[in-house]
Amino acid sequence: MIYFDNAATSYPKPEEVLEAIIDFTNNIGGSPGRSGHRLSIEAARILYQCRENLAELFNVSDPLKIIFTLNATEAINLVLKGLLHRGDHVITSSMEHNAVMRPLHELEKNGVQVQVIPCTFDGVLNPEDIERAIKKNTALIVLNHASNVTGTILPIQCAGKIARKNNILFLVDAAQTAGSYPLDIEKNHIDLLAFTGHKGLFGPTGTGGLVIGENVDIHKITPLKTGGTGSRSESEIHPDFLPDLYESGTQNIAGITGLNAGVRYIIERGVEEIREYEISLTEKLIQGLKEISGVTVYGNNGIGEQAAVVSFNISNQSPSDIGLKLDEEYDIMCRVGLHCSPSAHRTIGTFPAGTVRFSMSIFNTVQEIEKALMAVRRIASGQQ
């Protein structure tokens, strides 16, 4: 079996991740911050260790400014719904995932002004268009780091400089890049970074988080939920300090234990090494696809400026039919359709049918790329 659906969730996970989850479940199992016994204390230690490892990965000075959520979507909703109010203006791009688009459209109903900057047919964003769109009431700029449709890297460093110069908060959706692309919140002028645990960070599903930068006034972002935190239990008023302000209820500590192991694996292997390897796979895949008659590859195909995500179509064949053939006849797992990003597909001209998407990780091989190209070649030529 060849697994090319890492943009949805990474598979396989490093052995260290599986071992960590099993060890926690069998030998620890306590609830962090809720008791004083040694199992609870050990669970709390793992929780904080994961914050420290993520802080090292993203260059965050204070680990307590890393908030755990169920996924990037929850982190994005926390910022958008907690920060934006009637009369505020927010800028985003036409290549965004529904994790951004749907909450923004909800907020529009409540008087938030949403401006979507059109990207080019290749999914490229001109940062000057962002600067031209800024108004006196612009409160936030939100962009994905890499498109989950084409893999195109957006110019977040330039956008971050523009946001910082104009005293506007900058939120980055790093669902497709956290763990597989070097990310430095200081270097890239990122105020808020939403990440998911189950993709490039090799954690289990149900893990993710939000990084809160030094320039953010946390009291201007209302929590999505309030409740028990294990702290200030004598008070019925919700805590106003990090991370408790945004972390009500018992954490997914077994999942965070696995996430911690995944992040440690990345740090020890090196993000740069992972990035270079994924570039080599992506380059080979794109070059091979372009050589097949009838195949259209989408995006800017600038390998150094692309995540390990490649979308393509075969003329006169639907993406769903191609995906079914790849699965049943060639044992290749991929994703087809609109990938929860209809705006991106409208931008690149593939709405409503969508595309076939291959997305790789450090655990894929050159041999798998070659087998996949052979399969696409046979499907494109009408062979069984």
Protein backbone atom coordinates (compact mmCIF):
# COMPACT_ATOMS: atom_id res chain seq x y z
CA MET A 1 0.00 0.00 0.00
CA ILE A 2 1.23 3.50 -0.89
CA TYR A 3 -0.09 6.25 1.36
CA PHE A 4 -0.23 9.66 -0.34
CA ASP A 5 -2.79 11.38 1.90
CA ASN A 6 -0.55 13.03 4.46
CA ALA A 7 -2.19 16.43 3.92
CA ALA A 8 -5.31 14.88 5.51
CA THR A 9 -3.46 13.05 8.27
CA SER A 10 0.04 11.59 8.39
CA TYR A 11 0.58 7.86 8.21
CA PRO A 12 2.50 5.99 9.41
CA LYS A 13 3.51 7.63 12.67
CA PRO A 14 7.00 7.21 14.11
CA GLU A 15 7.29 4.21 16.41
CA GLU A 16 8.18 6.59 19.23
CA VAL A 17 4.70 8.11 19.03
CA LEU A 18 2.92 4.77 19.37
CA GLU A 19 5.21 3.67 22.20
CA ALA A 20 4.64 6.92 24.11
CA ILE A 21 0.85 6.62 23.93
CA ILE A 22 0.92 2.98 25.06
CA ASP A 23 3.30 3.77 27.91
CA PHE A 24 1.12 6.64 29.10
CA THR A 25 -2.05 4.56 28.94
CA ASN A 26 -0.51 1.57 30.71
CA ASN A 27 1.74 3.25 33.26
CA ILE A 28 0.58 6.82 33.91
CA GLY A 29 -3.03 7.58 32.96
CA GLY A 30 -3.44 10.45 35.41
CA SER A 31 -5.24 13.74 34.82
CA PRO A 32 -2.81 16.69 34.65
CA GLY A 33 -3.33 19.50 37.14
CA ARG A 34 -6.36 17.85 38.76
CA SER A 35 -4.69 15.89 41.60
CA GLY A 36 -1.58 15.92 43.74
CA HIS A 37 -0.58 12.27 43.38
CA ARG A 38 2.43 11.17 41.36
CA LEU A 39 0.46 9.96 38.32
CA SER A 40 -1.22 13.35 37.94
CA ILE A 41 2.11 15.10 38.44
CA GLU A 42 3.73 12.92 35.77
CA ALA A 43 0.90 13.71 33.34
CA ALA A 44 1.37 17.43 34.01
CA ARG A 45 5.11 17.05 33.39
CA ILE A 46 4.45 15.51 29.95
CA LEU A 47 1.99 18.30 29.15
CA TYR A 48 4.56 20.96 29.94
CA GLN A 49 7.33 19.06 28.16
CA CYS A 50 5.22 19.10 24.99
CA ARG A 51 4.82 22.87 25.33
CA GLU A 52 8.61 23.17 25.69
CA ASN A 53 9.28 21.05 22.60
CA LEU A 54 6.78 23.03 20.54
CA ALA A 55 8.34 26.25 21.80
CA GLU A 56 11.72 25.02 20.59
CA LEU A 57 10.28 24.07 17.21
CA PHE A 58 8.51 27.42 16.63
CA ASN A 59 10.97 29.69 18.51
CA VAL A 60 8.54 30.69 21.24
CA SER A 61 10.11 32.34 24.29
CA ASP A 62 7.42 31.29 26.79
CA PRO A 63 6.02 27.71 26.58
CA LEU A 64 2.92 28.80 28.49
CA LYS A 65 1.89 30.82 25.43
CA ILE A 66 1.24 27.57 23.58
CA ILE A 67 -2.41 26.59 23.96
CA PHE A 68 -3.61 23.03 23.28
CA THR A 69 -6.75 22.57 21.19
CA LEU A 70 -8.35 19.64 19.39
CA ASN A 71 -6.97 20.75 16.02
CA ALA A 72 -6.04 23.79 13.93
CA THR A 73 -9.71 24.47 13.21
CA GLU A 74 -10.48 25.00 16.88
CA ALA A 75 -7.43 27.24 17.25
CA ILE A 76 -8.53 29.35 14.25
CA ASN A 77 -12.08 29.60 15.59
CA LEU A 78 -10.74 30.67 18.96
CA VAL A 79 -8.94 33.62 17.38
CA LEU A 80 -11.54 34.65 14.80
CA LYS A 81 -14.57 34.42 17.09
CA GLY A 82 -12.75 35.65 20.17
CA LEU A 83 -11.06 38.65 18.55
CA LEU A 84 -13.30 40.04 15.79
CA HIS A 85 -16.33 42.19 16.49
CA ARG A 86 -18.94 44.13 14.53
CA GLY A 87 -17.25 46.82 12.45
CA ASP A 88 -13.87 45.08 12.34
CA HIS A 89 -12.21 44.43 8.98
CA VAL A 90 -10.29 41.20 8.31
CA ILE A 91 -8.13 40.34 5.31
CA THR A 92 -7.60 36.82 3.96
CA SER A 93 -6.78 35.10 0.66
CA SER A 94 -8.75 33.12 -1.91
CA MET A 95 -6.63 30.02 -1.18
CA GLU A 96 -7.93 29.43 2.33
CA HIS A 97 -9.37 26.26 3.83
CA ASN A 98 -12.94 26.20 5.14
CA ALA A 99 -11.42 26.25 8.64
CA VAL A 100 -10.92 29.96 7.91
CA MET A 101 -13.66 30.66 5.38
CA ARG A 102 -16.64 29.22 7.26
CA PRO A 103 -16.11 31.06 10.57
CA LEU A 104 -15.41 34.27 8.62
CA HIS A 105 -18.71 33.94 6.76
CA GLU A 106 -20.45 33.38 10.11
CA LEU A 107 -18.85 36.55 11.44
CA GLU A 108 -19.98 38.49 8.37
CA LYS A 109 -23.56 37.93 9.52
CA ASN A 110 -22.63 39.75 12.74
CA GLY A 111 -21.16 42.79 11.01
CA VAL A 112 -17.51 41.81 10.52
CA GLN A 113 -16.15 43.02 7.17
CA VAL A 114 -14.32 40.21 5.33
CA GLN A 115 -12.06 41.01 2.38
CA VAL A 116 -10.74 38.09 0.32
CA ILE A 117 -7.63 38.91 -1.73
CA PRO A 118 -7.72 37.04 -5.05
CA CYS A 119 -4.67 34.89 -5.75
CA THR A 120 -3.43 34.11 -9.24
CA PHE A 121 -4.53 31.09 -11.25
CA ASP A 122 -1.46 29.33 -9.82
CA GLY A 123 -2.49 30.10 -6.25
CA VAL A 124 0.16 32.79 -5.73
CA LEU A 125 -0.55 35.76 -3.45
CA ASN A 126 0.96 39.19 -4.07
CA PRO A 127 1.70 40.73 -0.63
CA GLU A 128 1.27 44.23 -2.09
CA ASP A 129 -2.41 43.38 -2.55
CA ILE A 130 -2.64 42.87 1.21
CA GLU A 131 -1.14 46.28 1.91
CA ARG A 132 -3.52 47.96 -0.52
CA ALA A 133 -6.48 46.31 1.21
CA ILE A 134 -5.69 47.63 4.70
CA LYS A 135 -8.26 50.01 6.22
CA LYS A 136 -8.41 51.99 9.43
CA ASN A 137 -10.58 49.27 10.98
CA THR A 138 -8.47 46.29 9.84
CA ALA A 139 -8.05 44.15 12.95
CA LEU A 140 -6.55 40.95 11.54
CA ILE A 141 -4.79 39.38 8.57
CA VAL A 142 -5.23 35.59 8.32
CA LEU A 143 -3.42 33.38 5.80
CA ASN A 144 -2.54 29.74 5.42
CA HIS A 145 1.17 29.02 5.17
CA ALA A 146 0.70 26.44 2.41
CA SER A 147 -2.38 25.54 0.40
CA ASN A 148 -3.79 22.10 1.12
CA VAL A 149 -4.85 21.96 -2.55
CA THR A 150 -1.75 22.98 -4.51
CA GLY A 151 0.93 23.09 -1.83
CA THR A 152 1.73 26.69 -2.82
CA ILE A 153 3.60 28.54 -0.06
CA LEU A 154 2.13 31.95 0.69
CA PRO A 155 4.48 34.88 1.48
CA ILE A 156 3.86 34.92 5.22
CA GLN A 157 7.10 36.73 6.09
CA CYS A 158 6.19 39.65 3.82
CA ALA A 159 2.62 39.61 5.08
CA GLY A 160 3.89 39.56 8.66
CA LYS A 161 6.05 42.62 8.05
CA ILE A 162 3.08 44.45 6.56
CA ALA A 163 0.89 43.51 9.53
CA ARG A 164 3.52 44.54 12.07
CA LYS A 165 4.16 47.88 10.30
CA ASN A 166 0.46 48.68 10.41
CA ASN A 167 -0.09 47.41 13.97
CA ILE A 168 -2.44 44.65 12.79
CA LEU A 169 -2.48 41.15 14.25
CA PHE A 170 -1.36 38.34 11.93
CA LEU A 171 -2.78 34.80 12.19
CA VAL A 172 -1.15 31.95 10.24
CA ASP A 173 -2.81 28.61 9.56
CA ALA A 174 0.15 26.20 9.62
CA ALA A 175 -1.85 22.99 9.25
CA GLN A 176 0.16 21.96 6.17
CA THR A 177 3.62 23.12 7.28
CA ALA A 178 4.07 22.65 11.04
CA GLY A 179 6.73 19.97 11.42
CA SER A 180 7.76 19.80 7.77
CA TYR A 181 8.78 23.41 7.12
CA PRO A 182 10.96 25.68 9.31
CA LEU A 183 8.65 28.01 11.23
CA ASP A 184 9.91 30.87 13.40
CA ILE A 185 7.20 33.14 14.77
CA GLU A 186 9.69 35.94 15.48
CA LYS A 187 11.44 35.83 12.09
CA ASN A 188 8.12 35.68 10.26
CA HIS A 189 6.41 38.33 12.42
CA ILE A 190 3.61 35.92 13.34
CA ASP A 191 1.33 36.96 16.21
CA LEU A 192 -0.87 33.86 16.24
CA LEU A 193 0.02 30.45 14.82
CA ALA A 194 -2.61 27.72 14.52
CA PHE A 195 -1.27 24.19 14.12
CA THR A 196 -2.65 20.68 14.04
CA GLY A 197 -0.96 17.71 15.66
CA HIS A 198 -1.99 14.86 13.38
CA LYS A 199 -0.29 15.92 10.14
CA GLY A 200 3.35 17.03 9.89
CA LEU A 201 3.86 16.85 13.66
CA PHE A 202 3.09 13.09 13.60
CA GLY A 203 0.76 13.20 16.59
CA PRO A 204 -2.62 11.46 16.84
CA THR A 205 -5.89 13.04 15.76
CA GLY A 206 -7.58 15.28 18.30
CA THR A 207 -4.41 17.28 18.98
CA GLY A 208 -3.36 20.75 17.92
CA GLY A 209 -2.90 24.21 19.29
CA LEU A 210 -2.39 27.93 19.10
CA VAL A 211 0.85 29.85 19.61
CA ILE A 212 0.30 33.33 21.05
CA GLY A 213 2.99 35.89 20.28
CA GLU A 214 4.41 38.63 22.48
CA ASN A 215 2.40 41.42 20.81
CA VAL A 216 -1.00 39.88 21.55
CA ASP A 217 -3.17 41.23 24.35
CA ILE A 218 -4.84 38.02 25.50
CA HIS A 219 -7.63 39.91 27.22
CA LYS A 220 -8.88 41.01 23.80
CA ILE A 221 -9.46 37.39 22.69
CA THR A 222 -12.50 35.90 24.40
CA PRO A 223 -12.24 32.15 25.14
CA LEU A 224 -14.40 29.75 23.12
CA LYS A 225 -15.30 27.97 26.35
CA THR A 226 -14.85 28.36 30.11
CA GLY A 227 -14.93 25.90 32.97
CA GLY A 228 -12.68 23.80 35.15
CA THR A 229 -8.92 24.25 34.73
CA GLY A 230 -7.51 22.70 37.89
CA SER A 231 -6.39 26.18 38.98
CA ARG A 232 -8.08 28.74 41.28
CA SER A 233 -10.70 26.14 42.15
CA GLU A 234 -11.97 28.35 44.97
CA SER A 235 -13.31 30.84 42.42
CA GLU A 236 -16.27 30.55 40.06
CA ILE A 237 -14.68 33.24 37.88
CA HIS A 238 -12.65 31.88 34.98
CA PRO A 239 -8.85 32.36 35.20
CA ASP A 240 -7.43 35.24 33.17
CA PHE A 241 -3.89 33.89 32.72
CA LEU A 242 -2.21 31.55 30.23
CA PRO A 243 -2.63 28.76 29.39
CA ASP A 244 -5.67 28.27 31.64
CA LEU A 245 -7.62 31.11 30.01
CA TYR A 246 -8.08 28.99 26.88
CA GLU A 247 -7.78 25.44 28.24
CA SER A 248 -10.99 24.50 30.04
CA GLY A 249 -11.74 20.86 30.72
CA THR A 250 -9.51 17.82 30.90
CA GLN A 251 -6.86 17.79 28.19
CA ASN A 252 -6.40 14.97 25.66
CA ILE A 253 -3.30 14.02 27.59
CA ALA A 254 -2.85 10.61 25.92
CA GLY A 255 -2.94 12.38 22.54
CA ILE A 256 -0.62 15.15 23.71
CA THR A 257 1.80 12.48 24.94
CA GLY A 258 1.89 11.13 21.38
CA LEU A 259 2.21 14.65 19.98
CA ASN A 260 5.12 15.29 22.32
CA ALA A 261 6.92 12.23 20.96
CA GLY A 262 6.20 13.33 17.39
CA VAL A 263 7.59 16.81 17.95
CA ARG A 264 10.67 15.36 19.65
CA TYR A 265 11.19 13.07 16.65
CA ILE A 266 11.09 16.09 14.32
CA ILE A 267 13.51 18.12 16.43
CA GLU A 268 15.99 15.26 16.60
CA ARG A 269 15.74 14.48 12.89
CA GLY A 270 15.76 18.15 11.90
CA VAL A 271 13.04 20.15 10.15
CA GLU A 272 15.49 21.21 7.45
CA GLU A 273 16.31 17.58 6.64
CA ILE A 274 12.60 16.71 6.47
CA ARG A 275 11.94 19.70 4.24
CA GLU A 276 14.78 18.87 1.82
CA TYR A 277 13.66 15.25 1.51
CA GLU A 278 10.05 16.21 0.86
CA ILE A 279 11.19 18.73 -1.78
CA SER A 280 13.08 15.96 -3.58
CA LEU A 281 9.97 13.74 -3.63
CA THR A 282 7.75 16.62 -4.75
CA GLU A 283 10.12 17.61 -7.53
CA LYS A 284 10.27 14.05 -8.88
CA LEU A 285 6.49 13.70 -8.74
CA ILE A 286 5.77 16.99 -10.51
CA GLN A 287 8.34 16.40 -13.23
CA GLY A 288 6.99 12.91 -13.82
CA LEU A 289 3.36 14.03 -13.96
CA LYS A 290 4.16 16.79 -16.43
CA GLU A 291 5.63 14.21 -18.80
CA ILE A 292 2.37 12.23 -18.97
CA SER A 293 0.09 13.12 -21.85
CA GLY A 294 -3.31 14.42 -20.72
CA VAL A 295 -2.21 15.28 -17.18
CA THR A 296 -2.57 18.83 -15.82
CA VAL A 297 -0.62 19.75 -12.69
CA TYR A 298 -1.91 22.72 -10.67
CA GLY A 299 -0.09 25.34 -8.63
CA ASN A 300 3.03 27.34 -9.32
CA ASN A 301 5.21 24.19 -9.29
CA GLY A 302 8.01 26.18 -7.71
CA ILE A 303 9.51 23.30 -5.78
CA GLY A 304 11.32 25.38 -3.17
CA GLU A 305 8.12 27.34 -2.60
CA GLN A 306 5.79 24.36 -2.36
CA ALA A 307 4.78 21.96 0.37
CA ALA A 308 4.75 18.23 -0.43
CA VAL A 309 1.22 18.55 -1.82
CA VAL A 310 0.49 18.09 -5.54
CA SER A 311 -2.90 18.35 -7.27
CA PHE A 312 -3.53 17.11 -10.80
CA ASN A 313 -6.22 15.98 -13.20
CA ILE A 314 -6.36 13.69 -16.21
CA SER A 315 -8.28 15.01 -19.21
CA ASN A 316 -11.74 13.50 -19.74
CA GLN A 317 -11.64 11.63 -16.43
CA SER A 318 -13.25 12.67 -13.15
CA PRO A 319 -11.06 12.94 -10.04
CA SER A 320 -13.33 10.50 -8.20
CA ASP A 321 -12.95 7.86 -10.91
CA ILE A 322 -9.17 8.30 -10.91
CA GLY A 323 -9.03 8.02 -7.12
CA LEU A 324 -11.09 4.84 -7.18
CA LYS A 325 -8.78 3.25 -9.76
CA LEU A 326 -5.69 4.27 -7.79
CA ASP A 327 -7.14 2.71 -4.65
CA GLU A 328 -8.64 -0.49 -6.01
CA GLU A 329 -6.22 -1.32 -8.82
CA TYR A 330 -2.91 0.14 -7.61
CA ASP A 331 -3.28 0.26 -3.80
CA ILE A 332 -2.51 4.00 -3.73
CA MET A 333 -4.30 6.04 -1.08
CA CYS A 334 -4.92 9.68 -2.04
CA ARG A 335 -7.65 12.30 -1.76
CA VAL A 336 -9.91 13.60 -4.51
CA GLY A 337 -12.49 16.37 -4.79
CA LEU A 338 -12.50 19.83 -3.23
CA HIS A 339 -10.43 19.11 -0.09
CA CYS A 340 -12.62 21.41 2.08
CA SER A 341 -11.24 24.38 0.08
CA PRO A 342 -13.81 25.44 -2.54
CA SER A 343 -12.39 28.97 -2.77
CA ALA A 344 -8.96 27.58 -3.65
CA HIS A 345 -10.48 25.38 -6.36
CA ARG A 346 -12.37 28.35 -7.79
CA THR A 347 -9.07 30.22 -7.85
CA ILE A 348 -7.23 27.55 -9.83
CA GLY A 349 -10.21 26.74 -12.05
CA THR A 350 -11.05 23.25 -10.80
CA PHE A 351 -14.41 23.89 -9.12
CA PRO A 352 -16.71 21.97 -8.73
CA ALA A 353 -15.07 18.64 -9.66
CA GLY A 354 -11.83 19.31 -7.82
CA THR A 355 -8.58 17.44 -8.33
CA VAL A 356 -6.63 14.33 -7.44
CA ARG A 357 -4.20 15.15 -4.63
CA PHE A 358 -1.00 13.33 -3.70
CA SER A 359 0.61 14.47 -0.44
CA MET A 360 3.85 12.98 0.84
CA SER A 361 5.80 12.76 4.09
CA ILE A 362 9.26 11.79 5.27
CA PHE A 363 8.11 8.15 5.27
CA ASN A 364 7.41 8.00 1.54
CA THR A 365 10.09 6.84 -0.91
CA VAL A 366 11.34 7.52 -4.42
CA GLN A 367 10.22 4.01 -5.35
CA GLU A 368 6.66 4.87 -4.31
CA ILE A 369 6.76 8.00 -6.49
CA GLU A 370 7.87 5.89 -9.44
CA LYS A 371 5.08 3.34 -8.87
CA ALA A 372 2.51 6.13 -8.60
CA LEU A 373 3.71 7.72 -11.84
CA MET A 374 3.42 4.36 -13.55
CA ALA A 375 -0.16 4.04 -12.29
CA VAL A 376 -1.14 7.53 -13.45
CA ARG A 377 0.49 6.86 -16.82
CA ARG A 378 -1.57 3.68 -17.27
CA ILE A 379 -4.81 5.37 -16.18
CA ALA A 380 -4.18 8.34 -18.50
CA SER A 381 -3.58 6.00 -21.44
CA GLY A 382 -6.73 4.01 -20.74
CA GLN A 383 -4.90 0.85 -19.65
CA GLN A 384 -6.26 -1.33 -16.85
